[in-house]
PDB file of N, CA and C in Angstrom:
ATOM      1  N   MET A   1      47.338  93.026 114.684  1.00  0.00           N
ATOM      2  CA  MET A   1      48.133  91.821 114.791  1.00  0.00           C
ATOM      3  C   MET A   1      48.912  91.576 113.494  1.00  0.00           C
ATOM      4  N   MET A   2      48.241  91.706 112.343  1.00  0.00           N
ATOM      5  CA  MET A   2      48.882  91.493 111.049  1.00  0.00           C
ATOM      6  C   MET A   2      50.002  92.523 110.845  1.00  0.00           C
ATOM      7  N   MET A   3      49.756  93.772 111.236  1.00  0.00           N
ATOM      8  CA  MET A   3      50.748  94.828 111.083  1.00  0.00           C
ATOM      9  C   MET A   3      51.986  94.504 111.919  1.00  0.00           C
ATOM     10  N   ARG A   4      51.782  93.979 113.116  1.00  0.00           N
ATOM     11  CA  ARG A   4      52.883  93.628 114.001  1.00  0.00           C
ATOM     12  C   ARG A   4      53.747  92.529 113.357  1.00  0.00           C
ATOM     13  N   LYS A   5      53.138  91.539 112.700  1.00  0.00           N
ATOM     14  CA  LYS A   5      53.869  90.459 112.044  1.00  0.00           C
ATOM     15  C   LYS A   5      54.672  91.007 110.859  1.00  0.00           C
ATOM     16  N   LEU A   6      54.060  91.912 110.100  1.00  0.00           N
ATOM     17  CA  LEU A   6      54.758  92.503 108.962  1.00  0.00           C
ATOM     18  C   LEU A   6      55.974  93.289 109.417  1.00  0.00           C
ATOM     19  N   ILE A   7      55.811  94.077 110.453  1.00  0.00           N
ATOM     20  CA  ILE A   7      56.926  94.871 110.972  1.00  0.00           C
ATOM     21  C   ILE A   7      58.009  93.938 111.499  1.00  0.00           C
ATOM     22  N   SER A   8      57.604  92.919 112.226  1.00  0.00           N
ATOM     23  CA  SER A   8      58.541  91.946 112.774  1.00  0.00           C
ATOM     24  C   SER A   8      59.308  91.242 111.653  1.00  0.00           C
ATOM     25  N   SER A   9      58.607  90.864 110.588  1.00  0.00           N
ATOM     26  CA  SER A   9      59.252  90.204 109.452  1.00  0.00           C
ATOM     27  C   SER A   9      60.219  91.160 108.761  1.00  0.00           C
ATOM     28  N   GLY A  10      59.813  92.409 108.628  1.00  0.00           N
ATOM     29  CA  GLY A  10      60.675  93.411 107.999  1.00  0.00           C
ATOM     30  C   GLY A  10      61.951  93.623 108.785  1.00  0.00           C
ATOM     31  N   VAL A  11      61.856  93.657 110.092  1.00  0.00           N
ATOM     32  CA  VAL A  11      63.027  93.818 110.945  1.00  0.00           C
ATOM     33  C   VAL A  11      63.940  92.603 110.808  1.00  0.00           C
ATOM     34  N   ALA A  12      63.358  91.411 110.756  1.00  0.00           N
ATOM     35  CA  ALA A  12      64.155  90.188 110.609  1.00  0.00           C
ATOM     36  C   ALA A  12      64.908  90.191 109.280  1.00  0.00           C
ATOM     37  N   VAL A  13      64.246  90.579 108.205  1.00  0.00           N
ATOM     38  CA  VAL A  13      64.892  90.624 106.891  1.00  0.00           C
ATOM     39  C   VAL A  13      66.006  91.663 106.894  1.00  0.00           C
ATOM     40  N   ALA A  14      65.738  92.823 107.457  1.00  0.00           N
ATOM     41  CA  ALA A  14      66.760  93.876 107.522  1.00  0.00           C
ATOM     42  C   ALA A  14      67.971  93.390 108.309  1.00  0.00           C
ATOM     43  N   GLY A  15      67.723  92.677 109.385  1.00  0.00           N
ATOM     44  CA  GLY A  15      68.816  92.134 110.187  1.00  0.00           C
ATOM     45  C   GLY A  15      69.631  91.128 109.406  1.00  0.00           C
ATOM     46  N   MET A  16      68.959  90.279 108.628  1.00  0.00           N
ATOM     47  CA  MET A  16      69.675  89.284 107.824  1.00  0.00           C
ATOM     48  C   MET A  16      70.521  89.971 106.762  1.00  0.00           C
ATOM     49  N   VAL A  17      70.011  91.028 106.157  1.00  0.00           N
ATOM     50  CA  VAL A  17      70.765  91.770 105.144  1.00  0.00           C
ATOM     51  C   VAL A  17      72.002  92.378 105.772  1.00  0.00           C
ATOM     52  N   MET A  18      71.858  92.936 106.975  1.00  0.00           N
ATOM     53  CA  MET A  18      73.003  93.534 107.647  1.00  0.00           C
ATOM     54  C   MET A  18      74.049  92.473 107.991  1.00  0.00           C
ATOM     55  N   VAL A  19      73.640  91.320 108.437  1.00  0.00           N
ATOM     56  CA  VAL A  19      74.569  90.239 108.755  1.00  0.00           C
ATOM     57  C   VAL A  19      75.286  89.789 107.497  1.00  0.00           C
ATOM     58  N   MET A  20      74.538  89.637 106.400  1.00  0.00           N
ATOM     59  CA  MET A  20      75.146  89.216 105.142  1.00  0.00           C
ATOM     60  C   MET A  20      76.151  90.263 104.662  1.00  0.00           C
ATOM     61  N   ALA A  21      75.801  91.533 104.761  1.00  0.00           N
ATOM     62  CA  ALA A  21      76.708  92.597 104.340  1.00  0.00           C
ATOM     63  C   ALA A  21      77.950  92.599 105.212  1.00  0.00           C
ATOM     64  N   GLY A  22      77.761  92.407 106.508  1.00  0.00           N
ATOM     65  CA  GLY A  22      78.892  92.358 107.424  1.00  0.00           C
ATOM     66  C   GLY A  22      79.819  91.199 107.127  1.00  0.00           C
ATOM     67  N   SER A  23      79.255  90.037 106.805  1.00  0.00           N
ATOM     68  CA  SER A  23      80.095  88.882 106.505  1.00  0.00           C
ATOM     69  C   SER A  23      80.829  89.087 105.184  1.00  0.00           C
ATOM     70  N   SER A  24      80.223  89.802 104.254  1.00  0.00           N
ATOM     71  CA  SER A  24      80.874  90.113 102.986  1.00  0.00           C
ATOM     72  C   SER A  24      82.086  91.005 103.218  1.00  0.00           C
ATOM     73  N   VAL A  25      81.951  91.992 104.083  1.00  0.00           N
ATOM     74  CA  VAL A  25      83.064  92.879 104.417  1.00  0.00           C
ATOM     75  C   VAL A  25      84.160  92.083 105.114  1.00  0.00           C
ATOM     76  N   ALA A  26      83.768  91.191 106.033  1.00  0.00           N
ATOM     77  CA  ALA A  26      84.747  90.365 106.737  1.00  0.00           C
ATOM     78  C   ALA A  26      85.486  89.456 105.763  1.00  0.00           C
ATOM     79  N   MET A  27      84.755  88.878 104.789  1.00  0.00           N
ATOM     80  CA  MET A  27      85.404  88.020 103.799  1.00  0.00           C
ATOM     81  C   MET A  27      86.385  88.822 102.968  1.00  0.00           C
ATOM     82  N   ALA A  28      86.020  90.053 102.590  1.00  0.00           N
ATOM     83  CA  ALA A  28      86.909  90.889 101.790  1.00  0.00           C
ATOM     84  C   ALA A  28      88.169  91.214 102.583  1.00  0.00           C
ATOM     85  N   ALA A  29      88.017  91.577 103.863  1.00  0.00           N
ATOM     86  CA  ALA A  29      89.171  91.881 104.704  1.00  0.00           C
ATOM     87  C   ALA A  29      90.045  90.647 104.856  1.00  0.00           C
ATOM     88  N   SER A  30      89.436  89.494 105.031  1.00  0.00           N
ATOM     89  CA  SER A  30      90.176  88.245 105.173  1.00  0.00           C
ATOM     90  C   SER A  30      90.960  87.944 103.893  1.00  0.00           C
ATOM     91  N   SER A  31      90.342  88.145 102.745  1.00  0.00           N
ATOM     92  CA  SER A  31      90.999  87.901 101.469  1.00  0.00           C
ATOM     93  C   SER A  31      92.191  88.839 101.293  1.00  0.00           C
ATOM     94  N   ILE A  32      92.038  90.079 101.698  1.00  0.00           N
ATOM     95  CA  ILE A  32      93.127  91.058 101.611  1.00  0.00           C
ATOM     96  C   ILE A  32      94.270  90.639 102.530  1.00  0.00           C
ATOM     97  N   ASP A  33      93.944  90.255 103.761  1.00  0.00           N
ATOM     98  CA  ASP A  33      94.979  89.821 104.711  1.00  0.00           C
ATOM     99  C   ASP A  33      95.702  88.577 104.210  1.00  0.00           C
ATOM    100  N   GLU A  34      94.942  87.621 103.674  1.00  0.00           N
ATOM    101  CA  GLU A  34      95.549  86.407 103.139  1.00  0.00           C
ATOM    102  C   GLU A  34      96.414  86.734 101.918  1.00  0.00           C
ATOM    103  N   GLY A  35      95.941  87.651 101.087  1.00  0.00           N
ATOM    104  CA  GLY A  35      96.714  88.071  99.917  1.00  0.00           C
ATOM    105  C   GLY A  35      98.017  88.739 100.314  1.00  0.00           C
ATOM    106  N   LYS A  36      97.978  89.539 101.364  1.00  0.00           N
ATOM    107  CA  LYS A  36      99.201  90.186 101.858  1.00  0.00           C
ATOM    108  C   LYS A  36     100.192  89.131 102.331  1.00  0.00           C
ATOM    109  N   ALA A  37      99.702  88.145 103.077  1.00  0.00           N
ATOM    110  CA  ALA A  37     100.586  87.082 103.562  1.00  0.00           C
ATOM    111  C   ALA A  37     101.236  86.330 102.396  1.00  0.00           C
ATOM    112  N   ILE A  38     100.474  86.059 101.358  1.00  0.00           N
ATOM    113  CA  ILE A  38     101.006  85.369 100.177  1.00  0.00           C
ATOM    114  C   ILE A  38     102.018  86.262  99.457  1.00  0.00           C
ATOM    115  N   ALA A  39     101.675  87.524  99.276  1.00  0.00           N
ATOM    116  CA  ALA A  39     102.553  88.466  98.562  1.00  0.00           C
ATOM    117  C   ALA A  39     103.884  88.644  99.280  1.00  0.00           C
ATOM    118  N   PHE A  40     103.857  88.622 100.622  1.00  0.00           N
ATOM    119  CA  PHE A  40     105.069  88.832 101.400  1.00  0.00           C
ATOM    120  C   PHE A  40     105.833  87.531 101.666  1.00  0.00           C
ATOM    121  N   ASP A  41     105.249  86.394 101.363  1.00  0.00           N
ATOM    122  CA  ASP A  41     105.867  85.090 101.621  1.00  0.00           C
ATOM    123  C   ASP A  41     106.949  84.819 100.569  1.00  0.00           C
ATOM    124  N   LYS A  42     108.172  84.636 101.014  1.00  0.00           N
ATOM    125  CA  LYS A  42     109.286  84.416 100.083  1.00  0.00           C
ATOM    126  C   LYS A  42     109.160  83.127  99.296  1.00  0.00           C
ATOM    127  N   LYS A  43     108.360  82.191  99.776  1.00  0.00           N
ATOM    128  CA  LYS A  43     108.179  80.920  99.070  1.00  0.00           C
ATOM    129  C   LYS A  43     106.940  80.920  98.181  1.00  0.00           C
ATOM    130  N   LYS A  44     106.208  81.999  98.172  1.00  0.00           N
ATOM    131  CA  LYS A  44     104.979  82.079  97.366  1.00  0.00           C
ATOM    132  C   LYS A  44     105.073  83.253  96.400  1.00  0.00           C
ATOM    133  N   GLY A  45     104.386  84.356  96.744  1.00  0.00           N
ATOM    134  CA  GLY A  45     104.350  85.516  95.858  1.00  0.00           C
ATOM    135  C   GLY A  45     105.678  86.233  95.764  1.00  0.00           C
ATOM    136  N   ASN A  46     106.300  86.435  96.918  1.00  0.00           N
ATOM    137  CA  ASN A  46     107.603  87.098  97.003  1.00  0.00           C
ATOM    138  C   ASN A  46     107.634  88.430  96.254  1.00  0.00           C
ATOM    139  N   CYS A  47     106.544  89.174  96.316  1.00  0.00           N
ATOM    140  CA  CYS A  47     106.454  90.455  95.618  1.00  0.00           C
ATOM    141  C   CYS A  47     107.521  91.439  96.088  1.00  0.00           C
ATOM    142  N   LEU A  48     107.937  91.314  97.358  1.00  0.00           N
ATOM    143  CA  LEU A  48     108.930  92.233  97.915  1.00  0.00           C
ATOM    144  C   LEU A  48     110.321  92.030  97.318  1.00  0.00           C
ATOM    145  N   ALA A  49     110.539  90.955  96.616  1.00  0.00           N
ATOM    146  CA  ALA A  49     111.829  90.750  95.965  1.00  0.00           C
ATOM    147  C   ALA A  49     112.071  91.840  94.924  1.00  0.00           C
ATOM    148  N   CYS A  50     111.004  92.353  94.334  1.00  0.00           N
ATOM    149  CA  CYS A  50     111.131  93.336  93.257  1.00  0.00           C
ATOM    150  C   CYS A  50     110.431  94.665  93.542  1.00  0.00           C
ATOM    151  N   HIS A  51     109.355  94.633  94.313  1.00  0.00           N
ATOM    152  CA  HIS A  51     108.513  95.813  94.521  1.00  0.00           C
ATOM    153  C   HIS A  51     108.615  96.358  95.942  1.00  0.00           C
ATOM    154  N   ARG A  52     108.439  97.659  96.056  1.00  0.00           N
ATOM    155  CA  ARG A  52     108.243  98.273  97.367  1.00  0.00           C
ATOM    156  C   ARG A  52     106.750  98.265  97.653  1.00  0.00           C
ATOM    157  N   ILE A  53     106.411  97.765  98.844  1.00  0.00           N
ATOM    158  CA  ILE A  53     105.022  97.700  99.267  1.00  0.00           C
ATOM    159  C   ILE A  53     104.974  98.191 100.704  1.00  0.00           C
ATOM    160  N   GLU A  54     104.035  99.064 100.987  1.00  0.00           N
ATOM    161  CA  GLU A  54     103.889  99.580 102.343  1.00  0.00           C
ATOM    162  C   GLU A  54     103.788  98.418 103.334  1.00  0.00           C
ATOM    163  N   GLY A  55     104.592  98.484 104.385  1.00  0.00           N
ATOM    164  CA  GLY A  55     104.581  97.448 105.407  1.00  0.00           C
ATOM    165  C   GLY A  55     105.553  96.325 105.148  1.00  0.00           C
ATOM    166  N   GLY A  56     106.157  96.296 103.970  1.00  0.00           N
ATOM    167  CA  GLY A  56     107.105  95.239 103.634  1.00  0.00           C
ATOM    168  C   GLY A  56     108.516  95.611 104.043  1.00  0.00           C
ATOM    169  N   ARG A  57     109.300  94.611 104.350  1.00  0.00           N
ATOM    170  CA  ARG A  57     110.697  94.828 104.754  1.00  0.00           C
ATOM    171  C   ARG A  57     111.634  94.354 103.655  1.00  0.00           C
ATOM    172  N   MET A  58     112.744  95.046 103.535  1.00  0.00           N
ATOM    173  CA  MET A  58     113.791  94.686 102.577  1.00  0.00           C
ATOM    174  C   MET A  58     113.238  94.566 101.164  1.00  0.00           C
ATOM    175  N   ALA A  59     112.497  95.567 100.754  1.00  0.00           N
ATOM    176  CA  ALA A  59     111.864  95.552  99.436  1.00  0.00           C
ATOM    177  C   ALA A  59     112.887  95.780  98.331  1.00  0.00           C
ATOM    178  N   GLY A  60     112.593  95.210  97.186  1.00  0.00           N
ATOM    179  CA  GLY A  60     113.436  95.389  96.016  1.00  0.00           C
ATOM    180  C   GLY A  60     113.092  96.669  95.280  1.00  0.00           C
ATOM    181  N   ASP A  61     113.935  96.998  94.308  1.00  0.00           N
ATOM    182  CA  ASP A  61     113.681  98.195  93.508  1.00  0.00           C
ATOM    183  C   ASP A  61     113.809  97.910  92.010  1.00  0.00           C
ATOM    184  N   ILE A  62     113.632  96.662  91.646  1.00  0.00           N
ATOM    185  CA  ILE A  62     113.692  96.266  90.235  1.00  0.00           C
ATOM    186  C   ILE A  62     112.425  96.713  89.511  1.00  0.00           C
ATOM    187  N   ALA A  63     111.304  96.637  90.200  1.00  0.00           N
ATOM    188  CA  ALA A  63     109.998  96.941  89.615  1.00  0.00           C
ATOM    189  C   ALA A  63     109.404  98.168  90.309  1.00  0.00           C
ATOM    190  N   PRO A  64     108.362  98.734  89.732  1.00  0.00           N
ATOM    191  CA  PRO A  64     107.765  99.926  90.337  1.00  0.00           C
ATOM    192  C   PRO A  64     107.159  99.633  91.713  1.00  0.00           C
ATOM    193  N   PRO A  65     107.125 100.662  92.560  1.00  0.00           N
ATOM    194  CA  PRO A  65     106.461 100.467  93.855  1.00  0.00           C
ATOM    195  C   PRO A  65     104.980 100.178  93.642  1.00  0.00           C
ATOM    196  N   ILE A  66     104.432  99.391  94.540  1.00  0.00           N
ATOM    197  CA  ILE A  66     103.012  99.047  94.434  1.00  0.00           C
ATOM    198  C   ILE A  66     102.229 100.019  95.300  1.00  0.00           C
ATOM    199  N   LEU A  67     101.605 100.966  94.638  1.00  0.00           N
ATOM    200  CA  LEU A  67     100.763 101.956  95.303  1.00  0.00           C
ATOM    201  C   LEU A  67      99.815 102.558  94.281  1.00  0.00           C
ATOM    202  N   LEU A  68      98.747 103.138  94.769  1.00  0.00           N
ATOM    203  CA  LEU A  68      97.720 103.751  93.906  1.00  0.00           C
ATOM    204  C   LEU A  68      97.224 102.784  92.827  1.00  0.00           C
ATOM    205  N   MET A  69      97.034 101.551  93.206  1.00  0.00           N
ATOM    206  CA  MET A  69      96.704 100.526  92.214  1.00  0.00           C
ATOM    207  C   MET A  69      95.334 100.725  91.567  1.00  0.00           C
ATOM    208  N   LYS A  70      94.381 101.297  92.276  1.00  0.00           N
ATOM    209  CA  LYS A  70      93.063 101.545  91.671  1.00  0.00           C
ATOM    210  C   LYS A  70      93.155 102.623  90.597  1.00  0.00           C
ATOM    211  N   VAL A  71      94.141 103.498  90.712  1.00  0.00           N
ATOM    212  CA  VAL A  71      94.359 104.518  89.692  1.00  0.00           C
ATOM    213  C   VAL A  71      95.104 103.895  88.508  1.00  0.00           C
ATOM    214  N   ARG A  72      96.116 103.100  88.806  1.00  0.00           N
ATOM    215  CA  ARG A  72      96.915 102.470  87.753  1.00  0.00           C
ATOM    216  C   ARG A  72      96.142 101.375  87.025  1.00  0.00           C
ATOM    217  N   TYR A  73      95.259 100.695  87.753  1.00  0.00           N
ATOM    218  CA  TYR A  73      94.455  99.607  87.184  1.00  0.00           C
ATOM    219  C   TYR A  73      92.987  99.830  87.544  1.00  0.00           C
ATOM    220  N   PRO A  74      92.299 100.742  86.855  1.00  0.00           N
ATOM    221  CA  PRO A  74      90.884 100.957  87.172  1.00  0.00           C
ATOM    222  C   PRO A  74      90.050  99.681  87.002  1.00  0.00           C
ATOM    223  N   ASP A  75      90.495  98.804  86.108  1.00  0.00           N
ATOM    224  CA  ASP A  75      89.831  97.524  85.895  1.00  0.00           C
ATOM    225  C   ASP A  75      90.595  96.465  86.682  1.00  0.00           C
ATOM    226  N   LYS A  76      90.000  95.977  87.751  1.00  0.00           N
ATOM    227  CA  LYS A  76      90.661  95.000  88.627  1.00  0.00           C
ATOM    228  C   LYS A  76      91.065  93.741  87.865  1.00  0.00           C
ATOM    229  N   LYS A  77      90.298  93.373  86.847  1.00  0.00           N
ATOM    230  CA  LYS A  77      90.629  92.188  86.053  1.00  0.00           C
ATOM    231  C   LYS A  77      91.963  92.368  85.335  1.00  0.00           C
ATOM    232  N   ALA A  78      92.263  93.572  84.896  1.00  0.00           N
ATOM    233  CA  ALA A  78      93.546  93.834  84.229  1.00  0.00           C
ATOM    234  C   ALA A  78      94.708  93.623  85.199  1.00  0.00           C
ATOM    235  N   LEU A  79      94.521  93.997  86.451  1.00  0.00           N
ATOM    236  CA  LEU A  79      95.547  93.752  87.468  1.00  0.00           C
ATOM    237  C   LEU A  79      95.708  92.257  87.695  1.00  0.00           C
ATOM    238  N   ARG A  80      94.587  91.545  87.801  1.00  0.00           N
ATOM    239  CA  ARG A  80      94.661  90.093  87.990  1.00  0.00           C
ATOM    240  C   ARG A  80      95.375  89.439  86.815  1.00  0.00           C
ATOM    241  N   ASP A  81      95.063  89.894  85.598  1.00  0.00           N
ATOM    242  CA  ASP A  81      95.717  89.354  84.404  1.00  0.00           C
ATOM    243  C   ASP A  81      97.227  89.594  84.454  1.00  0.00           C
ATOM    244  N   GLN A  82      97.630  90.753  84.953  1.00  0.00           N
ATOM    245  CA  GLN A  82      99.052  91.088  85.075  1.00  0.00           C
ATOM    246  C   GLN A  82      99.748  90.135  86.050  1.00  0.00           C
ATOM    247  N   ILE A  83      99.090  89.849  87.167  1.00  0.00           N
ATOM    248  CA  ILE A  83      99.663  88.930  88.155  1.00  0.00           C
ATOM    249  C   ILE A  83      99.654  87.505  87.601  1.00  0.00           C
ATOM    250  N   TRP A  84      98.580  87.135  86.934  1.00  0.00           N
ATOM    251  CA  TRP A  84      98.450  85.780  86.372  1.00  0.00           C
ATOM    252  C   TRP A  84      99.561  85.500  85.369  1.00  0.00           C
ATOM    253  N   ASP A  85      99.764  86.462  84.421  1.00  0.00           N
ATOM    254  CA  ASP A  85     100.779  86.265  83.381  1.00  0.00           C
ATOM    255  C   ASP A  85     101.204  87.612  82.824  1.00  0.00           C
ATOM    256  N   ALA A  86     102.225  88.203  83.429  1.00  0.00           N
ATOM    257  CA  ALA A  86     102.712  89.515  83.001  1.00  0.00           C
ATOM    258  C   ALA A  86     103.324  89.473  81.603  1.00  0.00           C
ATOM    259  N   THR A  87     103.728  88.282  81.160  1.00  0.00           N
ATOM    260  CA  THR A  87     104.331  88.170  79.833  1.00  0.00           C
ATOM    261  C   THR A  87     103.317  88.381  78.705  1.00  0.00           C
ATOM    262  N   ALA A  88     102.042  88.279  79.007  1.00  0.00           N
ATOM    263  CA  ALA A  88     101.018  88.512  77.976  1.00  0.00           C
ATOM    264  C   ALA A  88     101.050  89.961  77.506  1.00  0.00           C
ATOM    265  N   ALA A  89     101.276  90.882  78.434  1.00  0.00           N
ATOM    266  CA  ALA A  89     101.328  92.306  78.080  1.00  0.00           C
ATOM    267  C   ALA A  89     102.737  92.741  77.700  1.00  0.00           C
ATOM    268  N   ASN A  90     103.742  92.066  78.269  1.00  0.00           N
ATOM    269  CA  ASN A  90     105.125  92.428  78.011  1.00  0.00           C
ATOM    270  C   ASN A  90     105.975  91.155  77.982  1.00  0.00           C
ATOM    271  N   PRO A  91     106.243  90.628  76.803  1.00  0.00           N
ATOM    272  CA  PRO A  91     107.002  89.373  76.699  1.00  0.00           C
ATOM    273  C   PRO A  91     108.409  89.451  77.297  1.00  0.00           C
ATOM    274  N   ASN A  92     108.942  90.659  77.482  1.00  0.00           N
ATOM    275  CA  ASN A  92     110.300  90.826  78.001  1.00  0.00           C
ATOM    276  C   ASN A  92     110.350  91.092  79.502  1.00  0.00           C
ATOM    277  N   THR A  93     109.217  91.032  80.174  1.00  0.00           N
ATOM    278  CA  THR A  93     109.189  91.321  81.607  1.00  0.00           C
ATOM    279  C   THR A  93     109.958  90.255  82.389  1.00  0.00           C
ATOM    280  N   VAL A  94     110.478  90.654  83.538  1.00  0.00           N
ATOM    281  CA  VAL A  94     111.123  89.684  84.424  1.00  0.00           C
ATOM    282  C   VAL A  94     110.138  89.176  85.481  1.00  0.00           C
ATOM    283  N   MET A  95     108.922  89.722  85.473  1.00  0.00           N
ATOM    284  CA  MET A  95     107.923  89.268  86.439  1.00  0.00           C
ATOM    285  C   MET A  95     107.447  87.869  86.061  1.00  0.00           C
ATOM    286  N   PRO A  96     107.509  86.954  87.018  1.00  0.00           N
ATOM    287  CA  PRO A  96     107.072  85.584  86.704  1.00  0.00           C
ATOM    288  C   PRO A  96     105.574  85.509  86.418  1.00  0.00           C
ATOM    289  N   PRO A  97     105.173  84.654  85.522  1.00  0.00           N
ATOM    290  CA  PRO A  97     103.739  84.420  85.284  1.00  0.00           C
ATOM    291  C   PRO A  97     103.189  83.501  86.380  1.00  0.00           C
ATOM    292  N   PHE A  98     102.794  84.106  87.496  1.00  0.00           N
ATOM    293  CA  PHE A  98     102.432  83.362  88.707  1.00  0.00           C
ATOM    294  C   PHE A  98     101.336  82.321  88.482  1.00  0.00           C
ATOM    295  N   GLY A  99     100.341  82.655  87.698  1.00  0.00           N
ATOM    296  CA  GLY A  99      99.265  81.705  87.445  1.00  0.00           C
ATOM    297  C   GLY A  99      99.618  80.696  86.382  1.00  0.00           C
ATOM    298  N   ARG A 100     100.110  81.189  85.264  1.00  0.00           N
ATOM    299  CA  ARG A 100     100.416  80.308  84.135  1.00  0.00           C
ATOM    300  C   ARG A 100     101.454  79.257  84.496  1.00  0.00           C
ATOM    301  N   HIS A 101     102.413  79.603  85.334  1.00  0.00           N
ATOM    302  CA  HIS A 101     103.446  78.647  85.744  1.00  0.00           C
ATOM    303  C   HIS A 101     103.098  77.923  87.038  1.00  0.00           C
ATOM    304  N   HIS A 102     101.882  78.107  87.513  1.00  0.00           N
ATOM    305  CA  HIS A 102     101.385  77.421  88.716  1.00  0.00           C
ATOM    306  C   HIS A 102     102.224  77.712  89.953  1.00  0.00           C
ATOM    307  N   ILE A 103     102.794  78.913  90.007  1.00  0.00           N
ATOM    308  CA  ILE A 103     103.497  79.354  91.207  1.00  0.00           C
ATOM    309  C   ILE A 103     102.461  79.619  92.301  1.00  0.00           C
ATOM    310  N   LEU A 104     101.343  80.198  91.881  1.00  0.00           N
ATOM    311  CA  LEU A 104     100.201  80.441  92.761  1.00  0.00           C
ATOM    312  C   LEU A 104      98.965  79.788  92.151  1.00  0.00           C
ATOM    313  N   SER A 105      98.075  79.330  93.012  1.00  0.00           N
ATOM    314  CA  SER A 105      96.799  78.775  92.542  1.00  0.00           C
ATOM    315  C   SER A 105      95.879  79.924  92.114  1.00  0.00           C
ATOM    316  N   ASP A 106      94.781  79.589  91.455  1.00  0.00           N
ATOM    317  CA  ASP A 106      93.792  80.611  91.084  1.00  0.00           C
ATOM    318  C   ASP A 106      93.319  81.376  92.318  1.00  0.00           C
ATOM    319  N   ALA A 107      93.028  80.645  93.397  1.00  0.00           N
ATOM    320  CA  ALA A 107      92.546  81.288  94.630  1.00  0.00           C
ATOM    321  C   ALA A 107      93.609  82.213  95.216  1.00  0.00           C
ATOM    322  N   GLU A 108      94.870  81.800  95.150  1.00  0.00           N
ATOM    323  CA  GLU A 108      95.951  82.645  95.671  1.00  0.00           C
ATOM    324  C   GLU A 108      96.134  83.890  94.810  1.00  0.00           C
ATOM    325  N   VAL A 109      96.037  83.747  93.506  1.00  0.00           N
ATOM    326  CA  VAL A 109      96.126  84.909  92.611  1.00  0.00           C
ATOM    327  C   VAL A 109      94.987  85.878  92.929  1.00  0.00           C
ATOM    328  N   ASP A 110      93.787  85.358  93.166  1.00  0.00           N
ATOM    329  CA  ASP A 110      92.651  86.218  93.527  1.00  0.00           C
ATOM    330  C   ASP A 110      92.929  86.983  94.813  1.00  0.00           C
ATOM    331  N   LYS A 111      93.490  86.318  95.807  1.00  0.00           N
ATOM    332  CA  LYS A 111      93.764  86.959  97.100  1.00  0.00           C
ATOM    333  C   LYS A 111      94.876  87.991  96.979  1.00  0.00           C
ATOM    334  N   VAL A 112      95.924  87.679  96.237  1.00  0.00           N
ATOM    335  CA  VAL A 112      96.996  88.648  96.015  1.00  0.00           C
ATOM    336  C   VAL A 112      96.439  89.848  95.251  1.00  0.00           C
ATOM    337  N   THR A 113      95.590  89.596  94.270  1.00  0.00           N
ATOM    338  CA  THR A 113      94.958  90.691  93.525  1.00  0.00           C
ATOM    339  C   THR A 113      94.136  91.564  94.471  1.00  0.00           C
ATOM    340  N   ASP A 114      93.356  90.963  95.361  1.00  0.00           N
ATOM    341  CA  ASP A 114      92.574  91.737  96.329  1.00  0.00           C
ATOM    342  C   ASP A 114      93.483  92.612  97.183  1.00  0.00           C
ATOM    343  N   PHE A 115      94.590  92.045  97.651  1.00  0.00           N
ATOM    344  CA  PHE A 115      95.526  92.812  98.480  1.00  0.00           C
ATOM    345  C   PHE A 115      96.152  93.944  97.689  1.00  0.00           C
ATOM    346  N   ILE A 116      96.724  93.636  96.537  1.00  0.00           N
ATOM    347  CA  ILE A 116      97.403  94.656  95.730  1.00  0.00           C
ATOM    348  C   ILE A 116      96.426  95.749  95.314  1.00  0.00           C
ATOM    349  N   TYR A 117      95.214  95.377  94.951  1.00  0.00           N
ATOM    350  CA  TYR A 117      94.206  96.356  94.526  1.00  0.00           C
ATOM    351  C   TYR A 117      93.801  97.273  95.688  1.00  0.00           C
ATOM    352  N   SER A 118      93.986  96.813  96.913  1.00  0.00           N
ATOM    353  CA  SER A 118      93.609  97.632  98.079  1.00  0.00           C
ATOM    354  C   SER A 118      94.647  98.709  98.377  1.00  0.00           C
ATOM    355  N   LEU A 119      95.794  98.644  97.729  1.00  0.00           N
ATOM    356  CA  LEU A 119      96.885  99.602  98.011  1.00  0.00           C
ATOM    357  C   LEU A 119      96.761 100.858  97.178  1.00  0.00           C
TER     358      LEU A 119
END
């Protein structure tokens, strides 16, 4: 009887871990999708004004294409810092400091970072 309860409890815990892991993956996918919507929104991120991004229409060519971001930015925080305030690394950049100038909220910068980092 005791063994049956232990096995039953173990199965319940394993199931909860799987549900939690699944919801974490769903949250990550949701954040990426929301980040893409912000990045492509002409009134928000408007990344397509300057960058080519897979799936984007009428992309600009002022800035480098956004691809292989995990290779270009192995440290995701460095990418977030670039989106937050590109002038910190390059005072002459034409990229707006999205966070510092409150163009995007902290949460929006995080979501755009998740999307861009996924490319």
